[in-house]
Amino acid sequence: MPYAFDSVRVFFWNRKRHRYEMYYIEKNVEGYFPVEAKVGPAPVFSVIGRDDNDNKLYKKTFTLIGQKFFLTAKTQMRADLVGAPPSST
């Protein structure tokens, strides 16, 4: 199954400077859908990707603490629960 995306970037609106700023970037990712994001006092997002060490799929959850995102959870996923990339037709 081909992967859906190869990098993750998270942007936030800076009210003081009136522009979007990048808060998190991860490159060389073998990512799959769905990607989840939750807004709240501590914004959270989750991505599903393949781990380089054991070649298994994991759902990694990141939480914004201060001005940095930190990995707060990593759970193994079954391959049949992961969504396929959208078709280009």
C-alpha atoms as a PDB file:
ATOM      1  CA  MET A   1       0.000   0.000   0.000  1.00  0.00           C
ATOM      2  CA  PRO A   2       1.564   3.329  -1.011  1.00  0.00           C
ATOM      3  CA  TYR A   3       1.746   5.991   1.645  1.00  0.00           C
ATOM      4  CA  ALA A   4      -0.392   9.149   1.530  1.00  0.00           C
ATOM      5  CA  PHE A   5       2.125  11.840   2.519  1.00  0.00           C
ATOM      6  CA  ASP A   6       5.843  12.210   3.196  1.00  0.00           C
ATOM      7  CA  SER A   7       6.042  15.226   5.539  1.00  0.00           C
ATOM      8  CA  VAL A   8       4.042  16.859   8.328  1.00  0.00           C
ATOM      9  CA  ARG A   9       3.856  20.608   8.935  1.00  0.00           C
ATOM     10  CA  VAL A  10       1.789  22.368  11.582  1.00  0.00           C
ATOM     11  CA  PHE A  11       1.075  26.097  11.345  1.00  0.00           C
ATOM     12  CA  PHE A  12      -0.452  28.459  13.895  1.00  0.00           C
ATOM     13  CA  TRP A  13      -1.821  31.953  13.433  1.00  0.00           C
ATOM     14  CA  ASN A  14       0.306  34.548  15.223  1.00  0.00           C
ATOM     15  CA  ARG A  15      -2.139  37.244  16.345  1.00  0.00           C
ATOM     16  CA  LYS A  16       0.616  39.717  17.140  1.00  0.00           C
ATOM     17  CA  ARG A  17       2.325  39.471  13.731  1.00  0.00           C
ATOM     18  CA  HIS A  18      -0.864  38.703  11.740  1.00  0.00           C
ATOM     19  CA  ARG A  19       0.602  35.714   9.921  1.00  0.00           C
ATOM     20  CA  TYR A  20       0.888  31.930  10.057  1.00  0.00           C
ATOM     21  CA  GLU A  21       4.040  30.500  11.591  1.00  0.00           C
ATOM     22  CA  MET A  22       5.337  26.948  11.419  1.00  0.00           C
ATOM     23  CA  TYR A  23       5.407  25.266  14.831  1.00  0.00           C
ATOM     24  CA  TYR A  24       6.311  21.704  13.850  1.00  0.00           C
ATOM     25  CA  ILE A  25       7.852  19.925  10.857  1.00  0.00           C
ATOM     26  CA  GLU A  26       8.724  16.269  10.314  1.00  0.00           C
ATOM     27  CA  LYS A  27      10.242  15.082   7.036  1.00  0.00           C
ATOM     28  CA  ASN A  28      10.758  11.651   5.457  1.00  0.00           C
ATOM     29  CA  VAL A  29       7.522  10.306   6.904  1.00  0.00           C
ATOM     30  CA  GLU A  30       5.639   7.338   5.473  1.00  0.00           C
ATOM     31  CA  GLY A  31       2.282   8.751   6.549  1.00  0.00           C
ATOM     32  CA  TYR A  32      -1.260   7.413   6.220  1.00  0.00           C
ATOM     33  CA  PHE A  33      -4.744   8.834   6.701  1.00  0.00           C
ATOM     34  CA  PRO A  34      -6.589   9.780   8.883  1.00  0.00           C
ATOM     35  CA  VAL A  35      -4.766  12.762  10.378  1.00  0.00           C
ATOM     36  CA  GLU A  36      -6.493  14.150  13.466  1.00  0.00           C
ATOM     37  CA  ALA A  37      -6.330  17.614  15.065  1.00  0.00           C
ATOM     38  CA  LYS A  38      -8.070  18.922  18.171  1.00  0.00           C
ATOM     39  CA  VAL A  39      -8.213  22.552  19.262  1.00  0.00           C
ATOM     40  CA  GLY A  40      -8.349  23.426  22.938  1.00  0.00           C
ATOM     41  CA  PRO A  41      -6.260  24.762  25.799  1.00  0.00           C
ATOM     42  CA  ALA A  42      -3.512  22.364  24.672  1.00  0.00           C
ATOM     43  CA  PRO A  43      -3.820  21.731  20.888  1.00  0.00           C
ATOM     44  CA  VAL A  44      -3.227  18.098  19.880  1.00  0.00           C
ATOM     45  CA  PHE A  45      -2.629  16.361  16.541  1.00  0.00           C
ATOM     46  CA  SER A  46      -2.110  12.732  15.584  1.00  0.00           C
ATOM     47  CA  VAL A  47      -0.485  11.154  12.525  1.00  0.00           C
ATOM     48  CA  ILE A  48      -0.124   7.538  11.484  1.00  0.00           C
ATOM     49  CA  GLY A  49       3.246   6.497  10.121  1.00  0.00           C
ATOM     50  CA  ARG A  50       5.605   3.584   9.731  1.00  0.00           C
ATOM     51  CA  ASP A  51       8.439   3.307  12.252  1.00  0.00           C
ATOM     52  CA  ASP A  52      11.898   2.905  10.718  1.00  0.00           C
ATOM     53  CA  ASN A  53      13.106   0.600  13.501  1.00  0.00           C
ATOM     54  CA  ASP A  54      10.508  -2.196  13.366  1.00  0.00           C
ATOM     55  CA  ASN A  55       8.567  -1.332  10.155  1.00  0.00           C
ATOM     56  CA  LYS A  56       5.209  -1.313  12.017  1.00  0.00           C
ATOM     57  CA  LEU A  57       2.486   1.331  11.858  1.00  0.00           C
ATOM     58  CA  TYR A  58       2.118   3.661  14.830  1.00  0.00           C
ATOM     59  CA  LYS A  59      -0.261   6.484  15.693  1.00  0.00           C
ATOM     60  CA  LYS A  60       1.837   9.282  17.173  1.00  0.00           C
ATOM     61  CA  THR A  61       0.062  11.987  19.158  1.00  0.00           C
ATOM     62  CA  PHE A  62       1.688  15.375  19.745  1.00  0.00           C
ATOM     63  CA  THR A  63       0.609  18.066  22.229  1.00  0.00           C
ATOM     64  CA  LEU A  64       1.519  21.753  22.177  1.00  0.00           C
ATOM     65  CA  ILE A  65       3.198  22.662  25.454  1.00  0.00           C
ATOM     66  CA  GLY A  66       4.391  26.258  25.578  1.00  0.00           C
ATOM     67  CA  GLN A  67       5.612  26.907  22.046  1.00  0.00           C
ATOM     68  CA  LYS A  68       6.771  23.374  21.126  1.00  0.00           C
ATOM     69  CA  PHE A  69       5.047  20.133  20.212  1.00  0.00           C
ATOM     70  CA  PHE A  70       5.976  17.073  22.238  1.00  0.00           C
ATOM     71  CA  LEU A  71       5.252  13.404  21.530  1.00  0.00           C
ATOM     72  CA  THR A  72       2.722  12.416  24.199  1.00  0.00           C
ATOM     73  CA  ALA A  73       1.533   9.007  22.946  1.00  0.00           C
ATOM     74  CA  LYS A  74       2.638   6.302  20.514  1.00  0.00           C
ATOM     75  CA  THR A  75       0.293   3.369  19.896  1.00  0.00           C
ATOM     76  CA  GLN A  76       0.652   0.540  17.407  1.00  0.00           C
ATOM     77  CA  MET A  77      -1.998   0.423  14.639  1.00  0.00           C
ATOM     78  CA  ARG A  78      -3.359  -2.472  12.613  1.00  0.00           C
ATOM     79  CA  ALA A  79      -2.742  -2.039   8.887  1.00  0.00           C
ATOM     80  CA  ASP A  80      -6.392  -2.761   7.992  1.00  0.00           C
ATOM     81  CA  LEU A  81      -7.542   0.260  10.072  1.00  0.00           C
ATOM     82  CA  VAL A  82      -5.385   2.724   8.155  1.00  0.00           C
ATOM     83  CA  GLY A  83      -7.022   4.679   5.344  1.00  0.00           C
ATOM     84  CA  ALA A  84      -5.834   4.554   1.774  1.00  0.00           C
ATOM     85  CA  PRO A  85      -4.608   7.706   0.045  1.00  0.00           C
ATOM     86  CA  PRO A  86      -7.263   9.537  -1.996  1.00  0.00           C
ATOM     87  CA  SER A  87      -7.423   8.534  -5.634  1.00  0.00           C
ATOM     88  CA  SER A  88      -6.212  11.060  -8.191  1.00  0.00           C
ATOM     89  CA  THR A  89      -9.027  10.341 -10.653  1.00  0.00           C
END
